[in-house]
Amino acid sequence: MKTVVYPGTFNPITNGHTDLVKRAAGLFDHVIVAIGSSAQKSTDVSMDLRIELATEVLAEIPNVEVVGFSGLLTNFVKSRGSNLILRGLRTVADFEYEFQLVGMNRVLDPSIETVFLAPAEHLAYISSTLVREIASLGGDVSQFVDPAVAKAMPEMLKSNE
């Protein structure tokens, strides 16, 4: 059974993330959406809320599991019996950052491979950061996220204050 781990902060989970999970679910037996924290990203929104929203958004995809994690990604991947990491690529800037991560992960555990998927073209510009910014300025984010996430955005923004 091939299991892939799709890590991220998912703050919030966007339609771009969902698109990648659906694509991965067609390629792998089991997809683990691993919601973590990051020193480089704002994750004032509780992990529990991010897990709850991702679970609701992805509930109809049978081979997907949503879990929280902390610590080194390579350790988490191994603890789940996998050696595959899924990452999304939207832009050239993403590639440069992701390429650095691949190198670091290879040093930490050479047995782990990274697989890249690109979202559908009409979703490639969506980022959690932009969604949060639009919502914080009173904009409508419903075209970028699942209705459950759009409904939860006011609560998520309160967490960031």
Foldseek 3Di string as FASTA:
>chain_A
DAEEEEEDQCLPPWVQNVQVVVVVLVVGQAYEYEHEDDPVDDNLDDPVVNQVQVCVVNVVSVRYHYYYDDDDPLVVQVVVVHQEYEDEDLDPVSVVVVVVVQVVSCVVPVSHDYDYDYGPNVLSVDDSVVLLVCVVVVHQCCVIHPPVVSVCSVVSVVSVD
